[in-house]
């Protein structure tokens, strides 16, 4: 009987911790960085070229322009992603665009809202891309789960940056 009480107490504590996560942690963030052995202008042009995104991001099957604004800021795109043999549509909006300096994206995907802020710096022959990413869940239950998968989001973005590096340096 004592063992059953201990197990039940342990399960109650885990449940409270799990659901408490959604109350305490509202959003998560991380940073990543990569160096591209190309000049800044060339790197930025390749990174922001809508036509080539599917070449360095293998999960992206297509990018559809929903609304192209002059100056890029405010432009919206639908990105079709192949995930587990299913096509998922990610909605992306450009929040800020400063040529050869930065691009900030708002991404709406499957219950998660993400903000990716890419900044570009150079030392003439190399370009450093810094990514500051933050995300939050649209639902409480998903908000309880997301903090435990922060490493997965970071890994996906780092794979994408490495894919871009390989593409850009060819």
C-alpha atoms as a PDB file:
ATOM      1  CA  UNK A   1       0.000   0.000   0.000  1.00  0.00           C
ATOM      2  CA  UNK A   2       2.858   2.364   0.786  1.00  0.00           C
ATOM      3  CA  UNK A   3       4.326   1.773  -2.710  1.00  0.00           C
ATOM      4  CA  UNK A   4       0.998   2.678  -4.348  1.00  0.00           C
ATOM      5  CA  UNK A   5       0.859   5.952  -2.384  1.00  0.00           C
ATOM      6  CA  UNK A   6       4.392   6.814  -3.466  1.00  0.00           C
ATOM      7  CA  UNK A   7       3.600   6.084  -7.116  1.00  0.00           C
ATOM      8  CA  UNK A   8       0.372   8.121  -7.002  1.00  0.00           C
ATOM      9  CA  UNK A   9       2.159  11.014  -5.279  1.00  0.00           C
ATOM     10  CA  UNK A  10       4.912  10.885  -7.908  1.00  0.00           C
ATOM     11  CA  UNK A  11       2.342  10.915 -10.752  1.00  0.00           C
ATOM     12  CA  UNK A  12       0.460  13.835  -9.179  1.00  0.00           C
ATOM     13  CA  UNK A  13       3.709  15.811  -8.853  1.00  0.00           C
ATOM     14  CA  UNK A  14       4.610  15.116 -12.504  1.00  0.00           C
ATOM     15  CA  UNK A  15       1.122  16.157 -13.629  1.00  0.00           C
ATOM     16  CA  UNK A  16       1.268  19.401 -11.640  1.00  0.00           C
ATOM     17  CA  UNK A  17       4.738  20.159 -13.037  1.00  0.00           C
ATOM     18  CA  UNK A  18       3.590  19.452 -16.592  1.00  0.00           C
ATOM     19  CA  UNK A  19       0.498  21.671 -16.401  1.00  0.00           C
ATOM     20  CA  UNK A  20       2.392  24.284 -14.381  1.00  0.00           C
ATOM     21  CA  UNK A  21       4.841  24.611 -17.255  1.00  0.00           C
ATOM     22  CA  UNK A  22       2.082  26.116 -19.417  1.00  0.00           C
ATOM     23  CA  UNK A  23       1.320  28.699 -16.729  1.00  0.00           C
ATOM     24  CA  UNK A  24       4.914  29.724 -16.057  1.00  0.00           C
ATOM     25  CA  UNK A  25       6.636  29.445 -19.446  1.00  0.00           C
ATOM     26  CA  UNK A  26       4.845  31.613 -22.000  1.00  0.00           C
ATOM     27  CA  UNK A  27       7.503  31.591 -24.702  1.00  0.00           C
ATOM     28  CA  UNK A  28      10.947  30.207 -25.383  1.00  0.00           C
ATOM     29  CA  UNK A  29      13.901  31.508 -27.325  1.00  0.00           C
ATOM     30  CA  UNK A  30      17.337  30.521 -28.522  1.00  0.00           C
ATOM     31  CA  UNK A  31      20.161  31.814 -30.695  1.00  0.00           C
ATOM     32  CA  UNK A  32      22.235  30.257 -33.456  1.00  0.00           C
ATOM     33  CA  UNK A  33      25.118  31.524 -35.545  1.00  0.00           C
ATOM     34  CA  UNK A  34      26.899  30.443 -38.697  1.00  0.00           C
ATOM     35  CA  UNK A  35      29.748  31.841 -40.789  1.00  0.00           C
ATOM     36  CA  UNK A  36      29.462  31.809 -44.573  1.00  0.00           C
ATOM     37  CA  UNK A  37      32.663  32.132 -46.589  1.00  0.00           C
ATOM     38  CA  UNK A  38      31.150  34.596 -49.062  1.00  0.00           C
ATOM     39  CA  UNK A  39      30.816  38.394 -49.116  1.00  0.00           C
ATOM     40  CA  UNK A  40      27.865  39.938 -47.303  1.00  0.00           C
ATOM     41  CA  UNK A  41      25.961  41.219 -50.350  1.00  0.00           C
ATOM     42  CA  UNK A  42      26.156  37.865 -52.138  1.00  0.00           C
ATOM     43  CA  UNK A  43      25.165  35.922 -49.007  1.00  0.00           C
ATOM     44  CA  UNK A  44      22.207  38.183 -48.227  1.00  0.00           C
ATOM     45  CA  UNK A  45      20.954  38.000 -51.822  1.00  0.00           C
ATOM     46  CA  UNK A  46      21.120  34.197 -51.833  1.00  0.00           C
ATOM     47  CA  UNK A  47      19.479  33.942 -48.398  1.00  0.00           C
ATOM     48  CA  UNK A  48      16.533  36.147 -49.343  1.00  0.00           C
ATOM     49  CA  UNK A  49      16.005  34.739 -52.862  1.00  0.00           C
ATOM     50  CA  UNK A  50      12.543  33.137 -52.730  1.00  0.00           C
ATOM     51  CA  UNK A  51      13.244  31.005 -55.807  1.00  0.00           C
ATOM     52  CA  UNK A  52      16.234  29.253 -54.227  1.00  0.00           C
ATOM     53  CA  UNK A  53      14.845  28.526 -50.755  1.00  0.00           C
ATOM     54  CA  UNK A  54      13.660  25.067 -51.809  1.00  0.00           C
ATOM     55  CA  UNK A  55      17.196  24.277 -53.031  1.00  0.00           C
ATOM     56  CA  UNK A  56      18.781  24.595 -49.586  1.00  0.00           C
ATOM     57  CA  UNK A  57      15.809  23.732 -47.410  1.00  0.00           C
ATOM     58  CA  UNK A  58      14.902  20.167 -48.452  1.00  0.00           C
ATOM     59  CA  UNK A  59      11.632  20.018 -46.494  1.00  0.00           C
ATOM     60  CA  UNK A  60      10.303  23.059 -48.363  1.00  0.00           C
ATOM     61  CA  UNK A  61       8.498  21.871 -51.471  1.00  0.00           C
ATOM     62  CA  UNK A  62       7.211  25.259 -52.680  1.00  0.00           C
ATOM     63  CA  UNK A  63       7.027  28.921 -51.724  1.00  0.00           C
ATOM     64  CA  UNK A  64       3.961  30.855 -52.841  1.00  0.00           C
ATOM     65  CA  UNK A  65       3.884  34.643 -52.752  1.00  0.00           C
ATOM     66  CA  UNK A  66       0.622  35.719 -51.103  1.00  0.00           C
ATOM     67  CA  UNK A  67       1.339  39.449 -50.988  1.00  0.00           C
ATOM     68  CA  UNK A  68       4.561  41.090 -52.217  1.00  0.00           C
ATOM     69  CA  UNK A  69       5.063  44.575 -50.786  1.00  0.00           C
ATOM     70  CA  UNK A  70       7.477  47.201 -52.110  1.00  0.00           C
ATOM     71  CA  UNK A  71      10.521  47.207 -49.854  1.00  0.00           C
ATOM     72  CA  UNK A  72       9.707  43.611 -48.790  1.00  0.00           C
ATOM     73  CA  UNK A  73       8.511  44.505 -45.259  1.00  0.00           C
ATOM     74  CA  UNK A  74       4.913  43.327 -44.885  1.00  0.00           C
ATOM     75  CA  UNK A  75       5.202  40.703 -47.636  1.00  0.00           C
ATOM     76  CA  UNK A  76       3.470  37.386 -46.935  1.00  0.00           C
ATOM     77  CA  UNK A  77       4.262  33.895 -48.174  1.00  0.00           C
ATOM     78  CA  UNK A  78       2.806  30.405 -47.892  1.00  0.00           C
ATOM     79  CA  UNK A  79       5.500  27.764 -47.633  1.00  0.00           C
ATOM     80  CA  UNK A  80       4.601  24.168 -48.374  1.00  0.00           C
ATOM     81  CA  UNK A  81       6.579  21.748 -46.226  1.00  0.00           C
ATOM     82  CA  UNK A  82       6.743  17.983 -46.570  1.00  0.00           C
ATOM     83  CA  UNK A  83       6.628  16.539 -43.053  1.00  0.00           C
ATOM     84  CA  UNK A  84       5.987  12.853 -42.372  1.00  0.00           C
ATOM     85  CA  UNK A  85       4.668  12.384 -45.917  1.00  0.00           C
ATOM     86  CA  UNK A  86       2.142  15.196 -45.400  1.00  0.00           C
ATOM     87  CA  UNK A  87       2.122  18.685 -46.894  1.00  0.00           C
ATOM     88  CA  UNK A  88       1.855  21.381 -44.236  1.00  0.00           C
ATOM     89  CA  UNK A  89       1.437  25.057 -45.082  1.00  0.00           C
ATOM     90  CA  UNK A  90       3.470  27.521 -43.037  1.00  0.00           C
ATOM     91  CA  UNK A  91       2.415  31.152 -43.175  1.00  0.00           C
ATOM     92  CA  UNK A  92       5.302  33.611 -43.135  1.00  0.00           C
ATOM     93  CA  UNK A  93       5.272  37.402 -42.934  1.00  0.00           C
ATOM     94  CA  UNK A  94       8.280  39.712 -43.230  1.00  0.00           C
ATOM     95  CA  UNK A  95       8.225  42.049 -40.231  1.00  0.00           C
ATOM     96  CA  UNK A  96      11.480  43.872 -40.997  1.00  0.00           C
ATOM     97  CA  UNK A  97      13.820  43.971 -43.964  1.00  0.00           C
ATOM     98  CA  UNK A  98      16.999  46.011 -44.162  1.00  0.00           C
ATOM     99  CA  UNK A  99      19.069  45.009 -47.179  1.00  0.00           C
ATOM    100  CA  UNK A 100      22.397  43.404 -46.262  1.00  0.00           C
ATOM    101  CA  UNK A 101      21.681  43.856 -42.544  1.00  0.00           C
ATOM    102  CA  UNK A 102      18.640  41.971 -41.290  1.00  0.00           C
ATOM    103  CA  UNK A 103      15.394  40.215 -41.967  1.00  0.00           C
ATOM    104  CA  UNK A 104      12.775  39.467 -39.336  1.00  0.00           C
ATOM    105  CA  UNK A 105      10.104  36.856 -40.037  1.00  0.00           C
ATOM    106  CA  UNK A 106       6.861  35.976 -38.276  1.00  0.00           C
ATOM    107  CA  UNK A 107       5.998  32.332 -38.857  1.00  0.00           C
ATOM    108  CA  UNK A 108       2.642  30.725 -38.103  1.00  0.00           C
ATOM    109  CA  UNK A 109       2.739  26.927 -38.135  1.00  0.00           C
ATOM    110  CA  UNK A 110       0.575  24.229 -36.596  1.00  0.00           C
ATOM    111  CA  UNK A 111      -0.288  25.977 -33.347  1.00  0.00           C
ATOM    112  CA  UNK A 112       3.099  27.648 -32.905  1.00  0.00           C
ATOM    113  CA  UNK A 113       3.922  31.284 -33.559  1.00  0.00           C
ATOM    114  CA  UNK A 114       7.588  31.972 -34.179  1.00  0.00           C
ATOM    115  CA  UNK A 115       9.661  35.086 -34.685  1.00  0.00           C
ATOM    116  CA  UNK A 116      13.016  34.683 -36.411  1.00  0.00           C
ATOM    117  CA  UNK A 117      15.368  37.649 -36.444  1.00  0.00           C
ATOM    118  CA  UNK A 118      18.333  37.136 -38.779  1.00  0.00           C
ATOM    119  CA  UNK A 119      21.159  39.664 -38.669  1.00  0.00           C
ATOM    120  CA  UNK A 120      24.047  39.723 -41.123  1.00  0.00           C
ATOM    121  CA  UNK A 121      27.517  41.073 -40.373  1.00  0.00           C
ATOM    122  CA  UNK A 122      30.689  40.946 -42.415  1.00  0.00           C
ATOM    123  CA  UNK A 123      34.455  41.131 -42.297  1.00  0.00           C
ATOM    124  CA  UNK A 124      34.771  41.529 -46.088  1.00  0.00           C
ATOM    125  CA  UNK A 125      35.242  37.916 -47.228  1.00  0.00           C
ATOM    126  CA  UNK A 126      33.037  36.226 -44.602  1.00  0.00           C
ATOM    127  CA  UNK A 127      29.465  36.773 -43.507  1.00  0.00           C
ATOM    128  CA  UNK A 128      28.147  35.886 -40.062  1.00  0.00           C
ATOM    129  CA  UNK A 129      24.439  35.132 -39.774  1.00  0.00           C
ATOM    130  CA  UNK A 130      22.986  35.423 -36.276  1.00  0.00           C
ATOM    131  CA  UNK A 131      19.538  33.979 -35.648  1.00  0.00           C
ATOM    132  CA  UNK A 132      17.519  35.022 -32.615  1.00  0.00           C
ATOM    133  CA  UNK A 133      14.398  32.904 -32.538  1.00  0.00           C
ATOM    134  CA  UNK A 134      11.467  32.985 -30.144  1.00  0.00           C
ATOM    135  CA  UNK A 135       8.253  31.023 -30.217  1.00  0.00           C
ATOM    136  CA  UNK A 136       5.076  30.514 -28.283  1.00  0.00           C
ATOM    137  CA  UNK A 137       2.146  28.152 -28.443  1.00  0.00           C
ATOM    138  CA  UNK A 138      -1.370  29.145 -29.456  1.00  0.00           C
ATOM    139  CA  UNK A 139      -2.981  26.731 -26.991  1.00  0.00           C
ATOM    140  CA  UNK A 140      -2.412  26.057 -23.309  1.00  0.00           C
ATOM    141  CA  UNK A 141      -1.764  22.319 -23.714  1.00  0.00           C
ATOM    142  CA  UNK A 142       0.769  22.915 -26.489  1.00  0.00           C
ATOM    143  CA  UNK A 143       2.322  25.570 -24.251  1.00  0.00           C
ATOM    144  CA  UNK A 144       2.872  22.863 -21.620  1.00  0.00           C
ATOM    145  CA  UNK A 145       4.736  20.692 -24.131  1.00  0.00           C
ATOM    146  CA  UNK A 146       6.789  23.202 -26.189  1.00  0.00           C
ATOM    147  CA  UNK A 147       9.456  24.091 -23.608  1.00  0.00           C
ATOM    148  CA  UNK A 148      10.515  20.458 -23.545  1.00  0.00           C
ATOM    149  CA  UNK A 149      11.148  20.551 -27.310  1.00  0.00           C
ATOM    150  CA  UNK A 150      13.199  23.750 -27.487  1.00  0.00           C
ATOM    151  CA  UNK A 151      16.262  21.737 -28.516  1.00  0.00           C
ATOM    152  CA  UNK A 152      14.295  20.272 -31.460  1.00  0.00           C
ATOM    153  CA  UNK A 153      13.398  23.731 -32.818  1.00  0.00           C
ATOM    154  CA  UNK A 154      16.996  24.878 -32.438  1.00  0.00           C
ATOM    155  CA  UNK A 155      18.292  21.764 -34.185  1.00  0.00           C
ATOM    156  CA  UNK A 156      15.892  22.275 -37.131  1.00  0.00           C
ATOM    157  CA  UNK A 157      17.084  25.881 -37.550  1.00  0.00           C
ATOM    158  CA  UNK A 158      20.747  24.880 -37.276  1.00  0.00           C
ATOM    159  CA  UNK A 159      20.295  22.180 -39.926  1.00  0.00           C
ATOM    160  CA  UNK A 160      18.633  24.780 -42.142  1.00  0.00           C
ATOM    161  CA  UNK A 161      21.516  27.253 -41.606  1.00  0.00           C
ATOM    162  CA  UNK A 162      24.077  24.536 -42.357  1.00  0.00           C
ATOM    163  CA  UNK A 163      22.160  23.600 -45.504  1.00  0.00           C
ATOM    164  CA  UNK A 164      22.261  27.250 -46.542  1.00  0.00           C
ATOM    165  CA  UNK A 165      26.016  27.409 -45.817  1.00  0.00           C
ATOM    166  CA  UNK A 166      26.620  24.365 -48.049  1.00  0.00           C
ATOM    167  CA  UNK A 167      24.418  25.859 -50.777  1.00  0.00           C
ATOM    168  CA  UNK A 168      26.042  29.312 -50.600  1.00  0.00           C
ATOM    169  CA  UNK A 169      29.621  28.071 -50.579  1.00  0.00           C
ATOM    170  CA  UNK A 170      29.302  25.802 -53.629  1.00  0.00           C
END
